[in-house]
PDB file of all heavy atoms in Angstrom:
ATOM      1  N   ASP A   1      82.938-126.703 -34.053  1.00  0.00           N
ATOM      2  CA  ASP A   1      82.339-125.953 -35.160  1.00  0.00           C
ATOM      3  C   ASP A   1      82.862-124.534 -35.178  1.00  0.00           C
ATOM      4  O   ASP A   1      83.626-124.217 -34.288  1.00  0.00           O
ATOM      5  CB  ASP A   1      80.853-125.989 -35.144  1.00  0.00           C
ATOM      6  CG  ASP A   1      80.178-127.227 -35.310  1.00  0.00           C
ATOM      7  OD1 ASP A   1      80.832-128.243 -35.547  1.00  0.00           O
ATOM      8  OD2 ASP A   1      78.919-127.362 -35.162  1.00  0.00           O
ATOM      9  N   GLY A   2      82.622-123.920 -36.302  1.00  0.00           N
ATOM     10  CA  GLY A   2      83.229-122.537 -36.405  1.00  0.00           C
ATOM     11  C   GLY A   2      82.342-121.457 -35.756  1.00  0.00           C
ATOM     12  O   GLY A   2      81.345-121.754 -35.024  1.00  0.00           O
ATOM     13  N   ALA A   3      82.641-120.176 -36.205  1.00  0.00           N
ATOM     14  CA  ALA A   3      81.823-119.075 -35.621  1.00  0.00           C
ATOM     15  C   ALA A   3      80.325-119.122 -35.916  1.00  0.00           C
ATOM     16  O   ALA A   3      79.570-118.499 -35.048  1.00  0.00           O
ATOM     17  CB  ALA A   3      82.460-117.844 -36.214  1.00  0.00           C
ATOM     18  N   GLU A   4      79.849-119.867 -37.053  1.00  0.00           N
ATOM     19  CA  GLU A   4      78.464-119.935 -37.251  1.00  0.00           C
ATOM     20  C   GLU A   4      77.617-120.487 -36.145  1.00  0.00           C
ATOM     21  O   GLU A   4      76.582-120.043 -35.738  1.00  0.00           O
ATOM     22  CB  GLU A   4      78.138-120.648 -38.588  1.00  0.00           C
ATOM     23  CG  GLU A   4      76.758-120.508 -39.030  1.00  0.00           C
ATOM     24  CD  GLU A   4      76.373-119.149 -39.430  1.00  0.00           C
ATOM     25  OE1 GLU A   4      77.312-118.236 -39.732  1.00  0.00           O
ATOM     26  OE2 GLU A   4      75.262-118.815 -39.322  1.00  0.00           O
ATOM     27  N   THR A   5      78.166-121.514 -35.387  1.00  0.00           N
ATOM     28  CA  THR A   5      77.450-122.125 -34.253  1.00  0.00           C
ATOM     29  C   THR A   5      77.310-121.023 -33.115  1.00  0.00           C
ATOM     30  O   THR A   5      76.284-120.998 -32.501  1.00  0.00           O
ATOM     31  CB  THR A   5      78.221-123.312 -33.791  1.00  0.00           C
ATOM     32  OG1 THR A   5      78.181-124.309 -34.800  1.00  0.00           O
ATOM     33  CG2 THR A   5      77.610-123.938 -32.514  1.00  0.00           C
ATOM     34  N   PHE A   6      78.425-120.309 -32.987  1.00  0.00           N
ATOM     35  CA  PHE A   6      78.286-119.357 -31.908  1.00  0.00           C
ATOM     36  C   PHE A   6      77.337-118.198 -32.192  1.00  0.00           C
ATOM     37  O   PHE A   6      76.508-117.708 -31.397  1.00  0.00           O
ATOM     38  CB  PHE A   6      79.705-118.599 -31.741  1.00  0.00           C
ATOM     39  CG  PHE A   6      80.697-119.448 -30.873  1.00  0.00           C
ATOM     40  CD1 PHE A   6      81.261-120.504 -31.504  1.00  0.00           C
ATOM     41  CD2 PHE A   6      80.894-119.187 -29.579  1.00  0.00           C
ATOM     42  CE1 PHE A   6      82.211-121.294 -30.876  1.00  0.00           C
ATOM     43  CE2 PHE A   6      81.727-119.980 -28.822  1.00  0.00           C
ATOM     44  CZ  PHE A   6      82.419-121.105 -29.392  1.00  0.00           C
ATOM     45  N   ARG A   7      77.242-117.772 -33.574  1.00  0.00           N
ATOM     46  CA  ARG A   7      76.291-116.813 -33.978  1.00  0.00           C
ATOM     47  C   ARG A   7      74.855-117.255 -33.723  1.00  0.00           C
ATOM     48  O   ARG A   7      73.958-116.478 -33.268  1.00  0.00           O
ATOM     49  CB  ARG A   7      76.470-116.534 -35.504  1.00  0.00           C
ATOM     50  CG  ARG A   7      77.151-115.227 -35.710  1.00  0.00           C
ATOM     51  CD  ARG A   7      77.071-114.860 -37.228  1.00  0.00           C
ATOM     52  NE  ARG A   7      77.961-115.549 -38.057  1.00  0.00           N
ATOM     53  CZ  ARG A   7      79.315-115.426 -38.133  1.00  0.00           C
ATOM     54  NH1 ARG A   7      79.897-114.562 -37.412  1.00  0.00           N
ATOM     55  NH2 ARG A   7      79.914-116.142 -38.891  1.00  0.00           N
ATOM     56  N   LYS A   8      74.633-118.624 -34.007  1.00  0.00           N
ATOM     57  CA  LYS A   8      73.243-119.175 -33.927  1.00  0.00           C
ATOM     58  C   LYS A   8      72.829-119.467 -32.494  1.00  0.00           C
ATOM     59  O   LYS A   8      71.794-119.443 -32.101  1.00  0.00           O
ATOM     60  CB  LYS A   8      73.146-120.330 -34.825  1.00  0.00           C
ATOM     61  CG  LYS A   8      73.147-120.111 -36.274  1.00  0.00           C
ATOM     62  CD  LYS A   8      73.074-121.394 -37.014  1.00  0.00           C
ATOM     63  CE  LYS A   8      73.050-121.169 -38.568  1.00  0.00           C
ATOM     64  NZ  LYS A   8      72.975-122.372 -39.362  1.00  0.00           N
ATOM     65  N   LYS A   9      73.816-120.012 -31.672  1.00  0.00           N
ATOM     66  CA  LYS A   9      73.510-120.539 -30.369  1.00  0.00           C
ATOM     67  C   LYS A   9      73.948-119.853 -29.117  1.00  0.00           C
ATOM     68  O   LYS A   9      73.673-120.314 -28.064  1.00  0.00           O
ATOM     69  CB  LYS A   9      73.961-122.049 -30.352  1.00  0.00           C
ATOM     70  CG  LYS A   9      73.396-122.920 -31.365  1.00  0.00           C
ATOM     71  CD  LYS A   9      71.883-123.109 -31.144  1.00  0.00           C
ATOM     72  CE  LYS A   9      71.292-124.136 -32.036  1.00  0.00           C
ATOM     73  NZ  LYS A   9      69.761-124.320 -31.657  1.00  0.00           N
ATOM     74  N   MET A  10      74.717-118.761 -29.280  1.00  0.00           N
ATOM     75  CA  MET A  10      75.137-118.092 -28.170  1.00  0.00           C
ATOM     76  C   MET A  10      74.294-116.831 -28.012  1.00  0.00           C
ATOM     77  O   MET A  10      73.876-116.148 -28.932  1.00  0.00           O
ATOM     78  CB  MET A  10      76.606-117.621 -28.464  1.00  0.00           C
ATOM     79  CG  MET A  10      77.262-116.889 -27.366  1.00  0.00           C
ATOM     80  SD  MET A  10      78.946-116.225 -27.833  1.00  0.00           S
ATOM     81  CE  MET A  10      78.491-114.881 -28.848  1.00  0.00           C
ATOM     82  N   SER A  11      74.018-116.423 -26.697  1.00  0.00           N
ATOM     83  CA  SER A  11      73.378-115.238 -26.423  1.00  0.00           C
ATOM     84  C   SER A  11      74.163-114.055 -26.909  1.00  0.00           C
ATOM     85  O   SER A  11      75.350-114.093 -26.821  1.00  0.00           O
ATOM     86  CB  SER A  11      73.096-115.202 -24.937  1.00  0.00           C
ATOM     87  OG  SER A  11      72.446-114.018 -24.501  1.00  0.00           O
ATOM     88  N   ASP A  12      73.558-112.911 -27.356  1.00  0.00           N
ATOM     89  CA  ASP A  12      74.210-111.731 -27.800  1.00  0.00           C
ATOM     90  C   ASP A  12      75.043-111.064 -26.667  1.00  0.00           C
ATOM     91  O   ASP A  12      75.980-110.496 -27.095  1.00  0.00           O
ATOM     92  CB  ASP A  12      73.195-110.688 -28.345  1.00  0.00           C
ATOM     93  CG  ASP A  12      72.578-111.211 -29.717  1.00  0.00           C
ATOM     94  OD1 ASP A  12      73.133-112.136 -30.314  1.00  0.00           O
ATOM     95  OD2 ASP A  12      71.485-110.678 -30.044  1.00  0.00           O
ATOM     96  N   ASP A  13      74.678-111.360 -25.477  1.00  0.00           N
ATOM     97  CA  ASP A  13      75.296-110.643 -24.425  1.00  0.00           C
ATOM     98  C   ASP A  13      76.134-111.642 -23.606  1.00  0.00           C
ATOM     99  O   ASP A  13      76.468-111.444 -22.419  1.00  0.00           O
ATOM    100  CB  ASP A  13      74.423-109.859 -23.415  1.00  0.00           C
ATOM    101  CG  ASP A  13      73.306-110.775 -22.920  1.00  0.00           C
ATOM    102  OD1 ASP A  13      73.105-111.996 -23.225  1.00  0.00           O
ATOM    103  OD2 ASP A  13      72.549-110.319 -22.063  1.00  0.00           O
ATOM    104  N   ALA A  14      76.536-112.675 -24.201  1.00  0.00           N
ATOM    105  CA  ALA A  14      77.368-113.820 -23.525  1.00  0.00           C
ATOM    106  C   ALA A  14      78.728-113.221 -23.030  1.00  0.00           C
ATOM    107  O   ALA A  14      79.303-112.279 -23.591  1.00  0.00           O
ATOM    108  CB  ALA A  14      77.571-114.960 -24.458  1.00  0.00           C
ATOM    109  N   VAL A  15      79.253-113.887 -21.979  1.00  0.00           N
ATOM    110  CA  VAL A  15      80.480-113.571 -21.374  1.00  0.00           C
ATOM    111  C   VAL A  15      81.341-114.869 -21.314  1.00  0.00           C
ATOM    112  O   VAL A  15      80.797-115.883 -20.826  1.00  0.00           O
ATOM    113  CB  VAL A  15      80.341-112.984 -20.057  1.00  0.00           C
ATOM    114  CG1 VAL A  15      81.706-112.703 -19.311  1.00  0.00           C
ATOM    115  CG2 VAL A  15      79.598-111.647 -20.030  1.00  0.00           C
ATOM    116  N   MET A  16      82.634-114.761 -21.776  1.00  0.00           N
ATOM    117  CA  MET A  16      83.503-116.009 -21.720  1.00  0.00           C
ATOM    118  C   MET A  16      84.768-115.517 -21.012  1.00  0.00           C
ATOM    119  O   MET A  16      85.300-114.406 -21.306  1.00  0.00           O
ATOM    120  CB  MET A  16      83.683-116.496 -23.104  1.00  0.00           C
ATOM    121  CG  MET A  16      82.436-117.094 -23.761  1.00  0.00           C
ATOM    122  SD  MET A  16      82.658-118.074 -25.113  1.00  0.00           S
ATOM    123  CE  MET A  16      81.084-118.450 -25.540  1.00  0.00           C
ATOM    124  N   VAL A  17      85.323-116.399 -20.259  1.00  0.00           N
ATOM    125  CA  VAL A  17      86.625-116.255 -19.615  1.00  0.00           C
ATOM    126  C   VAL A  17      87.549-117.266 -20.146  1.00  0.00           C
ATOM    127  O   VAL A  17      87.359-118.439 -19.768  1.00  0.00           O
ATOM    128  CB  VAL A  17      86.409-116.248 -18.066  1.00  0.00           C
ATOM    129  CG1 VAL A  17      87.842-116.014 -17.402  1.00  0.00           C
ATOM    130  CG2 VAL A  17      85.366-115.236 -17.588  1.00  0.00           C
ATOM    131  N   PHE A  18      88.516-116.826 -20.785  1.00  0.00           N
ATOM    132  CA  PHE A  18      89.525-117.757 -21.340  1.00  0.00           C
ATOM    133  C   PHE A  18      90.959-117.611 -20.648  1.00  0.00           C
ATOM    134  O   PHE A  18      91.204-116.407 -20.133  1.00  0.00           O
ATOM    135  CB  PHE A  18      89.761-117.627 -22.829  1.00  0.00           C
ATOM    136  CG  PHE A  18      88.575-117.838 -23.663  1.00  0.00           C
ATOM    137  CD1 PHE A  18      87.738-116.768 -24.168  1.00  0.00           C
ATOM    138  CD2 PHE A  18      88.108-119.091 -23.923  1.00  0.00           C
ATOM    139  CE1 PHE A  18      86.590-117.071 -24.941  1.00  0.00           C
ATOM    140  CE2 PHE A  18      86.994-119.369 -24.537  1.00  0.00           C
ATOM    141  CZ  PHE A  18      86.280-118.299 -25.185  1.00  0.00           C
ATOM    142  N   PRO A  19      91.800-118.507 -20.738  1.00  0.00           N
ATOM    143  CA  PRO A  19      93.276-118.271 -20.202  1.00  0.00           C
ATOM    144  C   PRO A  19      93.877-117.150 -20.912  1.00  0.00           C
ATOM    145  O   PRO A  19      93.546-116.812 -22.076  1.00  0.00           O
ATOM    146  CB  PRO A  19      93.903-119.692 -20.543  1.00  0.00           C
ATOM    147  CG  PRO A  19      92.705-120.661 -20.634  1.00  0.00           C
ATOM    148  CD  PRO A  19      91.627-119.839 -21.192  1.00  0.00           C
ATOM    149  N   TYR A  20      94.817-116.540 -20.213  1.00  0.00           N
ATOM    150  CA  TYR A  20      95.656-115.414 -20.814  1.00  0.00           C
ATOM    151  C   TYR A  20      96.289-115.985 -22.191  1.00  0.00           C
ATOM    152  O   TYR A  20      96.656-117.142 -22.177  1.00  0.00           O
ATOM    153  CB  TYR A  20      96.707-115.067 -19.821  1.00  0.00           C
ATOM    154  CG  TYR A  20      97.509-113.937 -20.301  1.00  0.00           C
ATOM    155  CD1 TYR A  20      97.205-112.578 -20.255  1.00  0.00           C
ATOM    156  CD2 TYR A  20      98.801-114.182 -20.941  1.00  0.00           C
ATOM    157  CE1 TYR A  20      97.903-111.568 -20.625  1.00  0.00           C
ATOM    158  CE2 TYR A  20      99.576-113.136 -21.391  1.00  0.00           C
ATOM    159  CZ  TYR A  20      99.184-111.808 -21.280  1.00  0.00           C
ATOM    160  OH  TYR A  20      99.884-110.860 -21.755  1.00  0.00           O
ATOM    161  N   PRO A  21      96.279-115.171 -23.191  1.00  0.00           N
ATOM    162  CA  PRO A  21      96.128-113.725 -23.210  1.00  0.00           C
ATOM    163  C   PRO A  21      94.633-113.321 -23.627  1.00  0.00           C
ATOM    164  O   PRO A  21      94.371-112.153 -23.578  1.00  0.00           O
ATOM    165  CB  PRO A  21      97.029-113.305 -24.397  1.00  0.00           C
ATOM    166  CG  PRO A  21      97.125-114.491 -25.277  1.00  0.00           C
ATOM    167  CD  PRO A  21      97.012-115.624 -24.427  1.00  0.00           C
ATOM    168  N   ALA A  22      93.800-114.258 -23.975  1.00  0.00           N
ATOM    169  CA  ALA A  22      92.454-113.966 -24.406  1.00  0.00           C
ATOM    170  C   ALA A  22      91.690-113.148 -23.331  1.00  0.00           C
ATOM    171  O   ALA A  22      91.094-112.150 -23.499  1.00  0.00           O
ATOM    172  CB  ALA A  22      91.678-115.144 -24.919  1.00  0.00           C
ATOM    173  N   GLY A  23      91.717-113.675 -22.088  1.00  0.00           N
ATOM    174  CA  GLY A  23      91.019-113.129 -21.010  1.00  0.00           C
ATOM    175  C   GLY A  23      89.437-112.997 -21.098  1.00  0.00           C
ATOM    176  O   GLY A  23      88.915-113.924 -21.681  1.00  0.00           O
ATOM    177  N   ILE A  24      88.875-112.076 -20.567  1.00  0.00           N
ATOM    178  CA  ILE A  24      87.432-111.901 -20.650  1.00  0.00           C
ATOM    179  C   ILE A  24      87.006-111.407 -21.988  1.00  0.00           C
ATOM    180  O   ILE A  24      87.367-110.349 -22.478  1.00  0.00           O
ATOM    181  CB  ILE A  24      86.850-111.094 -19.406  1.00  0.00           C
ATOM    182  CG1 ILE A  24      87.354-111.699 -18.087  1.00  0.00           C
ATOM    183  CG2 ILE A  24      85.400-110.824 -19.546  1.00  0.00           C
ATOM    184  CD1 ILE A  24      87.273-110.769 -16.940  1.00  0.00           C
ATOM    185  N   MET A  25      85.944-112.038 -22.490  1.00  0.00           N
ATOM    186  CA  MET A  25      85.353-111.491 -23.825  1.00  0.00           C
ATOM    187  C   MET A  25      83.855-111.476 -23.664  1.00  0.00           C
ATOM    188  O   MET A  25      83.309-112.295 -22.889  1.00  0.00           O
ATOM    189  CB  MET A  25      85.774-112.536 -24.915  1.00  0.00           C
ATOM    190  CG  MET A  25      87.343-112.630 -25.101  1.00  0.00           C
ATOM    191  SD  MET A  25      87.870-113.762 -26.402  1.00  0.00           S
ATOM    192  CE  MET A  25      87.719-112.653 -27.835  1.00  0.00           C
ATOM    193  N   GLN A  26      83.307-110.614 -24.434  1.00  0.00           N
ATOM    194  CA  GLN A  26      81.816-110.430 -24.378  1.00  0.00           C
ATOM    195  C   GLN A  26      81.179-110.260 -25.805  1.00  0.00           C
ATOM    196  O   GLN A  26      81.879-109.717 -26.707  1.00  0.00           O
ATOM    197  CB  GLN A  26      81.500-109.210 -23.546  1.00  0.00           C
ATOM    198  CG  GLN A  26      81.938-109.202 -22.130  1.00  0.00           C
ATOM    199  CD  GLN A  26      81.606-107.854 -21.472  1.00  0.00           C
ATOM    200  OE1 GLN A  26      80.477-107.371 -21.547  1.00  0.00           O
ATOM    201  NE2 GLN A  26      82.608-107.271 -20.685  1.00  0.00           N
ATOM    202  N   GLY A  27      79.976-110.776 -25.914  1.00  0.00           N
ATOM    203  CA  GLY A  27      79.209-110.466 -27.056  1.00  0.00           C
ATOM    204  C   GLY A  27      79.912-110.749 -28.393  1.00  0.00           C
ATOM    205  O   GLY A  27      80.630-111.793 -28.647  1.00  0.00           O
ATOM    206  N   SER A  28      79.943-109.835 -29.324  1.00  0.00           N
ATOM    207  CA  SER A  28      80.428-109.975 -30.652  1.00  0.00           C
ATOM    208  C   SER A  28      81.974-110.107 -30.640  1.00  0.00           C
ATOM    209  O   SER A  28      82.615-110.690 -31.574  1.00  0.00           O
ATOM    210  CB  SER A  28      80.063-108.788 -31.481  1.00  0.00           C
ATOM    211  OG  SER A  28      80.652-107.504 -31.077  1.00  0.00           O
ATOM    212  N   ALA A  29      82.758-109.671 -29.568  1.00  0.00           N
ATOM    213  CA  ALA A  29      84.085-109.908 -29.563  1.00  0.00           C
ATOM    214  C   ALA A  29      84.492-111.368 -29.424  1.00  0.00           C
ATOM    215  O   ALA A  29      85.565-111.743 -29.823  1.00  0.00           O
ATOM    216  CB  ALA A  29      84.663-109.200 -28.229  1.00  0.00           C
ATOM    217  N   ILE A  30      83.576-112.147 -28.947  1.00  0.00           N
ATOM    218  CA  ILE A  30      83.820-113.634 -28.899  1.00  0.00           C
ATOM    219  C   ILE A  30      83.891-114.162 -30.293  1.00  0.00           C
ATOM    220  O   ILE A  30      84.844-114.850 -30.664  1.00  0.00           O
ATOM    221  CB  ILE A  30      82.722-114.356 -28.097  1.00  0.00           C
ATOM    222  CG1 ILE A  30      82.814-113.800 -26.641  1.00  0.00           C
ATOM    223  CG2 ILE A  30      82.828-115.910 -28.179  1.00  0.00           C
ATOM    224  CD1 ILE A  30      81.562-114.245 -25.811  1.00  0.00           C
ATOM    225  N   ILE A  31      82.878-113.801 -31.099  1.00  0.00           N
ATOM    226  CA  ILE A  31      82.849-114.321 -32.507  1.00  0.00           C
ATOM    227  C   ILE A  31      83.938-113.778 -33.380  1.00  0.00           C
ATOM    228  O   ILE A  31      84.627-114.556 -34.071  1.00  0.00           O
ATOM    229  CB  ILE A  31      81.535-114.010 -33.142  1.00  0.00           C
ATOM    230  CG1 ILE A  31      80.411-114.629 -32.399  1.00  0.00           C
ATOM    231  CG2 ILE A  31      81.496-114.321 -34.619  1.00  0.00           C
ATOM    232  CD1 ILE A  31      78.989-114.366 -32.797  1.00  0.00           C
ATOM    233  N   ASP A  32      84.382-112.408 -33.143  1.00  0.00           N
ATOM    234  CA  ASP A  32      85.483-111.844 -33.789  1.00  0.00           C
ATOM    235  C   ASP A  32      86.843-112.591 -33.469  1.00  0.00           C
ATOM    236  O   ASP A  32      87.582-112.854 -34.399  1.00  0.00           O
ATOM    237  CB  ASP A  32      85.644-110.375 -33.556  1.00  0.00           C
ATOM    238  CG  ASP A  32      84.428-109.548 -34.002  1.00  0.00           C
ATOM    239  OD1 ASP A  32      83.796-110.058 -34.977  1.00  0.00           O
ATOM    240  OD2 ASP A  32      84.309-108.437 -33.567  1.00  0.00           O
ATOM    241  N   GLY A  33      86.927-112.923 -32.141  1.00  0.00           N
ATOM    242  CA  GLY A  33      88.144-113.724 -31.811  1.00  0.00           C
ATOM    243  C   GLY A  33      88.206-114.960 -32.390  1.00  0.00           C
ATOM    244  O   GLY A  33      89.356-115.487 -32.671  1.00  0.00           O
ATOM    245  N   LEU A  34      87.094-115.728 -32.599  1.00  0.00           N
ATOM    246  CA  LEU A  34      87.093-116.962 -33.198  1.00  0.00           C
ATOM    247  C   LEU A  34      87.663-117.003 -34.758  1.00  0.00           C
ATOM    248  O   LEU A  34      88.137-118.029 -35.135  1.00  0.00           O
ATOM    249  CB  LEU A  34      85.671-117.647 -33.301  1.00  0.00           C
ATOM    250  CG  LEU A  34      85.115-117.940 -31.978  1.00  0.00           C
ATOM    251  CD1 LEU A  34      83.575-118.345 -32.004  1.00  0.00           C
ATOM    252  CD2 LEU A  34      85.853-119.156 -31.340  1.00  0.00           C
ATOM    253  N   LYS A  35      87.484-115.869 -35.330  1.00  0.00           N
ATOM    254  CA  LYS A  35      87.824-115.815 -36.808  1.00  0.00           C
ATOM    255  C   LYS A  35      89.262-115.998 -36.994  1.00  0.00           C
ATOM    256  O   LYS A  35      89.752-116.603 -37.930  1.00  0.00           O
ATOM    257  CB  LYS A  35      87.395-114.439 -37.296  1.00  0.00           C
ATOM    258  CG  LYS A  35      85.964-114.391 -37.510  1.00  0.00           C
ATOM    259  CD  LYS A  35      85.488-112.941 -37.886  1.00  0.00           C
ATOM    260  CE  LYS A  35      84.033-112.766 -37.962  1.00  0.00           C
ATOM    261  NZ  LYS A  35      83.641-111.463 -38.244  1.00  0.00           N
ATOM    262  N   SER A  36      90.137-115.596 -35.980  1.00  0.00           N
ATOM    263  CA  SER A  36      91.570-115.680 -36.131  1.00  0.00           C
ATOM    264  C   SER A  36      92.152-116.954 -35.296  1.00  0.00           C
ATOM    265  O   SER A  36      93.347-117.378 -35.430  1.00  0.00           O
ATOM    266  CB  SER A  36      92.319-114.478 -35.632  1.00  0.00           C
ATOM    267  OG  SER A  36      91.956-114.272 -34.310  1.00  0.00           O
ATOM    268  N   ALA A  37      91.273-117.598 -34.517  1.00  0.00           N
ATOM    269  CA  ALA A  37      91.758-118.722 -33.691  1.00  0.00           C
ATOM    270  C   ALA A  37      91.641-120.076 -34.432  1.00  0.00           C
ATOM    271  O   ALA A  37      90.686-120.282 -35.023  1.00  0.00           O
ATOM    272  CB  ALA A  37      90.962-118.801 -32.426  1.00  0.00           C
ATOM    273  N   PRO A  38      92.588-120.902 -34.378  1.00  0.00           N
ATOM    274  CA  PRO A  38      92.484-122.188 -34.976  1.00  0.00           C
ATOM    275  C   PRO A  38      91.471-123.034 -34.206  1.00  0.00           C
ATOM    276  O   PRO A  38      91.271-122.874 -32.926  1.00  0.00           O
ATOM    277  CB  PRO A  38      93.882-122.868 -34.697  1.00  0.00           C
ATOM    278  CG  PRO A  38      94.530-122.206 -33.617  1.00  0.00           C
ATOM    279  CD  PRO A  38      93.933-120.743 -33.639  1.00  0.00           C
ATOM    280  N   ARG A  39      90.690-123.787 -35.004  1.00  0.00           N
ATOM    281  CA  ARG A  39      89.633-124.682 -34.376  1.00  0.00           C
ATOM    282  C   ARG A  39      90.182-125.883 -33.759  1.00  0.00           C
ATOM    283  O   ARG A  39      91.284-126.307 -34.065  1.00  0.00           O
ATOM    284  CB  ARG A  39      88.589-125.061 -35.470  1.00  0.00           C
ATOM    285  CG  ARG A  39      87.856-123.875 -36.163  1.00  0.00           C
ATOM    286  CD  ARG A  39      87.076-123.009 -35.217  1.00  0.00           C
ATOM    287  NE  ARG A  39      86.367-123.567 -34.206  1.00  0.00           N
ATOM    288  CZ  ARG A  39      86.349-123.131 -32.985  1.00  0.00           C
ATOM    289  NH1 ARG A  39      86.915-122.043 -32.670  1.00  0.00           N
ATOM    290  NH2 ARG A  39      85.567-123.733 -32.036  1.00  0.00           N
ATOM    291  N   TRP A  40      89.462-126.352 -32.725  1.00  0.00           N
ATOM    292  CA  TRP A  40      89.771-127.613 -32.102  1.00  0.00           C
ATOM    293  C   TRP A  40      89.402-128.805 -33.033  1.00  0.00           C
ATOM    294  O   TRP A  40      88.401-128.711 -33.670  1.00  0.00           O
ATOM    295  CB  TRP A  40      89.011-127.712 -30.770  1.00  0.00           C
ATOM    296  CG  TRP A  40      89.411-126.691 -29.895  1.00  0.00           C
ATOM    297  CD1 TRP A  40      88.760-125.519 -29.602  1.00  0.00           C
ATOM    298  CD2 TRP A  40      90.615-126.481 -28.985  1.00  0.00           C
ATOM    299  NE1 TRP A  40      89.405-124.830 -28.611  1.00  0.00           N
ATOM    300  CE2 TRP A  40      90.516-125.316 -28.334  1.00  0.00           C
ATOM    301  CE3 TRP A  40      91.647-127.388 -28.833  1.00  0.00           C
ATOM    302  CZ2 TRP A  40      91.472-124.971 -27.385  1.00  0.00           C
ATOM    303  CZ3 TRP A  40      92.638-126.946 -27.917  1.00  0.00           C
ATOM    304  CH2 TRP A  40      92.530-125.803 -27.189  1.00  0.00           C
ATOM    305  N   ARG A  41      90.331-129.729 -33.174  1.00  0.00           N
ATOM    306  CA  ARG A  41      89.962-130.872 -34.015  1.00  0.00           C
ATOM    307  C   ARG A  41      89.264-132.146 -33.184  1.00  0.00           C
ATOM    308  O   ARG A  41      88.545-132.883 -33.827  1.00  0.00           O
ATOM    309  CB  ARG A  41      91.105-131.277 -34.747  1.00  0.00           C
ATOM    310  CG  ARG A  41      92.013-132.351 -34.189  1.00  0.00           C
ATOM    311  CD  ARG A  41      93.044-132.758 -35.117  1.00  0.00           C
ATOM    312  NE  ARG A  41      94.145-133.328 -34.224  1.00  0.00           N
ATOM    313  CZ  ARG A  41      95.316-133.473 -34.601  1.00  0.00           C
ATOM    314  NH1 ARG A  41      95.754-133.205 -35.915  1.00  0.00           N
ATOM    315  NH2 ARG A  41      96.146-133.950 -33.773  1.00  0.00           N
TER     316      ARG A  41
END
């Protein structure tokens, strides 16, 4: 799904660790990053 699922089901202070170059992302930066990333099919 898109960013809306993250907005609804992710904690506001969530932390995610992605392979380089994304790296460590937190909170709203995760959702902002999704806006430009292609979705998985």
